Amino acid sequence: MTGETQTYGEIDARLGNRKWARATGSACSLNQHAMVILCHRFLSDKGLGQYNGRINRKANLLEWESHNLFKTLFQLYRSFDI
């Protein structure tokens, strides 16, 4: 869902093993396609966590997504069969 966040632990619990949280975080740190694979939506259980060394960028992306304009543009983009 647009703008939904989850902790690394919540994601890993859905995958069947809560002990994978650190591995999930490591995989996200290698993500080179941030606007396609939305790792900035994965949070630490203690707060925002890191974002490839750019915590301000993570906070800004989450803030930007919270506005209706982004949601509208995202839905429009998703409606195209690309």
Foldseek 3Di string as FASTA:
>chain_A
DQLAAEELQVVVVVVPDSVCSVVLVVVQLPDPCCVVPVPLRYDHPVGSDQHVNCSVVSVVVSVVSVDVVVVVVVVVVVVDPD
